[in-house]
Structure formats: C-alpha cells, structure tokens
Amino acid sequence: MFIGILTLHISLPGCRSLKEKRQRMGGLHERFGRNPAIAVCESGDHDRLDISEWTFVAAANPLPKVEALLSEIEDKIQRTVDGRVMEATREML
C-alpha cells in the first residue's frame, strides 16, 4: 500500500469574509471525501481570508494509482475553485 500527501496553498484574492472563503472553496470535503481512498481537510490558514491551505491523503496500490489520484485532485481544484493554486507539495510514503 502506498500513501501520497498533497498540500495545496490557494490564494483567494479579494475575499472579504469567512463566509465568502467557504463559498469559494466550494465543498471540497463533499467532492473528494466520497472516494474511500482519499481523506481531505483544511489544514492551515484558518484565520486568513486571502489564503487557504488544504491537505489530501490518498492511499492505493500500486504507486502510479496514488500519483494519478493526486494529479486528478490538483487538476480539478485548479479548474473549479475560484482562486489560484500558489504552491503544491507532494510527499509519498
């Protein structure tokens, strides 16, 4: 079993409230949490309006499946979230 960790730092320019921040992030828990191979959480920058940090953990076998899951997550977020991915880090265990 392989485990991959993807951490995304997302810039939310012009965001003025926590409510707007939640709306712009658009239910990442619901979208990605349905997959039993993926865990998701808002992992940092809880008190900042202009930035959001999210971490995704994917577990699968073989390793290319984990890499594909993380790439799919990153691509989908870049297409659907009203913000800009500033930094993406990956770690494989």
C-alpha atoms as a PDB file:
ATOM      1  CA  MET A   1       0.000   0.000   0.000  1.00  0.00           C
ATOM      2  CA  PHE A   2       1.293   3.442  -0.938  1.00  0.00           C
ATOM      3  CA  ILE A   3       0.247   6.735   0.626  1.00  0.00           C
ATOM      4  CA  GLY A   4       0.523  10.134  -1.036  1.00  0.00           C
ATOM      5  CA  ILE A   5       0.058  13.505   0.624  1.00  0.00           C
ATOM      6  CA  LEU A   6      -0.819  16.586  -1.417  1.00  0.00           C
ATOM      7  CA  THR A   7      -0.839  20.008   0.264  1.00  0.00           C
ATOM      8  CA  LEU A   8      -2.201  22.977  -1.674  1.00  0.00           C
ATOM      9  CA  HIS A   9      -1.842  26.655  -0.783  1.00  0.00           C
ATOM     10  CA  ILE A  10      -4.612  28.530  -2.557  1.00  0.00           C
ATOM     11  CA  SER A  11      -4.734  32.304  -2.958  1.00  0.00           C
ATOM     12  CA  LEU A  12      -8.201  33.872  -2.723  1.00  0.00           C
ATOM     13  CA  PRO A  13      -7.724  37.463  -3.913  1.00  0.00           C
ATOM     14  CA  GLY A  14     -10.454  39.878  -2.893  1.00  0.00           C
ATOM     15  CA  CYS A  15     -12.014  37.531  -0.328  1.00  0.00           C
ATOM     16  CA  ARG A  16     -13.633  39.674   2.398  1.00  0.00           C
ATOM     17  CA  SER A  17     -15.240  37.243   4.852  1.00  0.00           C
ATOM     18  CA  LEU A  18     -15.006  33.703   6.182  1.00  0.00           C
ATOM     19  CA  LYS A  19     -18.399  33.011   4.620  1.00  0.00           C
ATOM     20  CA  GLU A  20     -17.089  34.048   1.209  1.00  0.00           C
ATOM     21  CA  LYS A  21     -13.983  31.920   1.764  1.00  0.00           C
ATOM     22  CA  ARG A  22     -16.149  28.850   2.453  1.00  0.00           C
ATOM     23  CA  GLN A  23     -18.261  29.547  -0.634  1.00  0.00           C
ATOM     24  CA  ARG A  24     -15.241  29.985  -2.890  1.00  0.00           C
ATOM     25  CA  MET A  25     -13.681  26.750  -1.705  1.00  0.00           C
ATOM     26  CA  GLY A  26     -16.929  25.128  -2.778  1.00  0.00           C
ATOM     27  CA  GLY A  27     -17.341  21.974  -0.729  1.00  0.00           C
ATOM     28  CA  LEU A  28     -14.003  20.250  -1.190  1.00  0.00           C
ATOM     29  CA  HIS A  29     -14.917  17.840   1.616  1.00  0.00           C
ATOM     30  CA  GLU A  30     -18.017  16.659  -0.226  1.00  0.00           C
ATOM     31  CA  ARG A  31     -16.373  16.382  -3.645  1.00  0.00           C
ATOM     32  CA  PHE A  32     -13.283  14.445  -2.654  1.00  0.00           C
ATOM     33  CA  GLY A  33     -14.396  12.838   0.610  1.00  0.00           C
ATOM     34  CA  ARG A  34     -16.747  10.461  -1.215  1.00  0.00           C
ATOM     35  CA  ASN A  35     -13.815   8.461  -2.519  1.00  0.00           C
ATOM     36  CA  PRO A  36     -12.825   5.910   0.140  1.00  0.00           C
ATOM     37  CA  ALA A  37      -9.175   6.139  -0.963  1.00  0.00           C
ATOM     38  CA  ILE A  38      -8.985   9.889  -0.210  1.00  0.00           C
ATOM     39  CA  ALA A  39      -9.042  11.898   3.025  1.00  0.00           C
ATOM     40  CA  VAL A  40      -9.292  15.700   2.902  1.00  0.00           C
ATOM     41  CA  CYS A  41      -9.050  18.542   5.424  1.00  0.00           C
ATOM     42  CA  GLU A  42      -8.474  22.269   5.613  1.00  0.00           C
ATOM     43  CA  SER A  43      -5.062  22.051   7.247  1.00  0.00           C
ATOM     44  CA  GLY A  44      -3.982  25.640   7.757  1.00  0.00           C
ATOM     45  CA  ASP A  45      -4.578  29.370   7.392  1.00  0.00           C
ATOM     46  CA  HIS A  46      -7.962  29.092   9.117  1.00  0.00           C
ATOM     47  CA  ASP A  47      -7.892  32.709  10.265  1.00  0.00           C
ATOM     48  CA  ARG A  48      -6.788  34.267   6.968  1.00  0.00           C
ATOM     49  CA  LEU A  49      -9.303  35.369   4.380  1.00  0.00           C
ATOM     50  CA  ASP A  50      -6.983  35.620   1.371  1.00  0.00           C
ATOM     51  CA  ILE A  51      -5.341  32.171   1.637  1.00  0.00           C
ATOM     52  CA  SER A  52      -6.484  28.625   2.237  1.00  0.00           C
ATOM     53  CA  GLU A  53      -4.392  25.508   2.842  1.00  0.00           C
ATOM     54  CA  TRP A  54      -5.815  22.057   2.114  1.00  0.00           C
ATOM     55  CA  THR A  55      -4.264  18.617   2.528  1.00  0.00           C
ATOM     56  CA  PHE A  56      -5.339  15.484   0.684  1.00  0.00           C
ATOM     57  CA  VAL A  57      -4.175  11.989   1.582  1.00  0.00           C
ATOM     58  CA  ALA A  58      -4.590   9.187  -0.962  1.00  0.00           C
ATOM     59  CA  ALA A  59      -3.934   5.503  -0.316  1.00  0.00           C
ATOM     60  CA  ALA A  60      -3.813   2.876  -3.061  1.00  0.00           C
ATOM     61  CA  ASN A  61      -1.788   0.174  -4.677  1.00  0.00           C
ATOM     62  CA  PRO A  62       0.241   0.469  -6.945  1.00  0.00           C
ATOM     63  CA  LEU A  63       2.130   3.764  -6.657  1.00  0.00           C
ATOM     64  CA  PRO A  64       1.031   5.089 -10.088  1.00  0.00           C
ATOM     65  CA  LYS A  65      -2.594   4.910  -8.876  1.00  0.00           C
ATOM     66  CA  VAL A  66      -1.742   7.195  -5.921  1.00  0.00           C
ATOM     67  CA  GLU A  67       0.072   9.615  -8.217  1.00  0.00           C
ATOM     68  CA  ALA A  68      -2.913   9.646 -10.600  1.00  0.00           C
ATOM     69  CA  LEU A  69      -5.345  10.365  -7.742  1.00  0.00           C
ATOM     70  CA  LEU A  70      -3.256  13.314  -6.512  1.00  0.00           C
ATOM     71  CA  SER A  71      -2.891  14.703 -10.053  1.00  0.00           C
ATOM     72  CA  GLU A  72      -6.637  14.417 -10.585  1.00  0.00           C
ATOM     73  CA  ILE A  73      -7.318  16.310  -7.345  1.00  0.00           C
ATOM     74  CA  GLU A  74      -4.881  19.095  -8.225  1.00  0.00           C
ATOM     75  CA  ASP A  75      -6.234  19.459 -11.765  1.00  0.00           C
ATOM     76  CA  LYS A  76      -9.854  19.539 -10.620  1.00  0.00           C
ATOM     77  CA  ILE A  77      -9.153  22.183  -7.975  1.00  0.00           C
ATOM     78  CA  GLN A  78      -7.322  24.387 -10.468  1.00  0.00           C
ATOM     79  CA  ARG A  79     -10.346  24.183 -12.792  1.00  0.00           C
ATOM     80  CA  THR A  80     -13.176  24.588 -10.272  1.00  0.00           C
ATOM     81  CA  VAL A  81     -12.056  26.702  -7.293  1.00  0.00           C
ATOM     82  CA  ASP A  82     -12.413  30.481  -7.512  1.00  0.00           C
ATOM     83  CA  GLY A  83      -8.803  31.051  -6.523  1.00  0.00           C
ATOM     84  CA  ARG A  84      -5.268  30.293  -7.641  1.00  0.00           C
ATOM     85  CA  VAL A  85      -3.053  27.427  -6.509  1.00  0.00           C
ATOM     86  CA  MET A  86       0.115  29.167  -5.353  1.00  0.00           C
ATOM     87  CA  GLU A  87       2.014  26.113  -4.132  1.00  0.00           C
ATOM     88  CA  ALA A  88       1.524  22.363  -4.328  1.00  0.00           C
ATOM     89  CA  THR A  89       3.703  19.930  -2.414  1.00  0.00           C
ATOM     90  CA  ARG A  90       3.619  16.140  -2.623  1.00  0.00           C
ATOM     91  CA  GLU A  91       5.050  13.517  -0.356  1.00  0.00           C
ATOM     92  CA  MET A  92       4.970   9.752  -0.944  1.00  0.00           C
ATOM     93  CA  LEU A  93       5.171   7.253   1.904  1.00  0.00           C
END
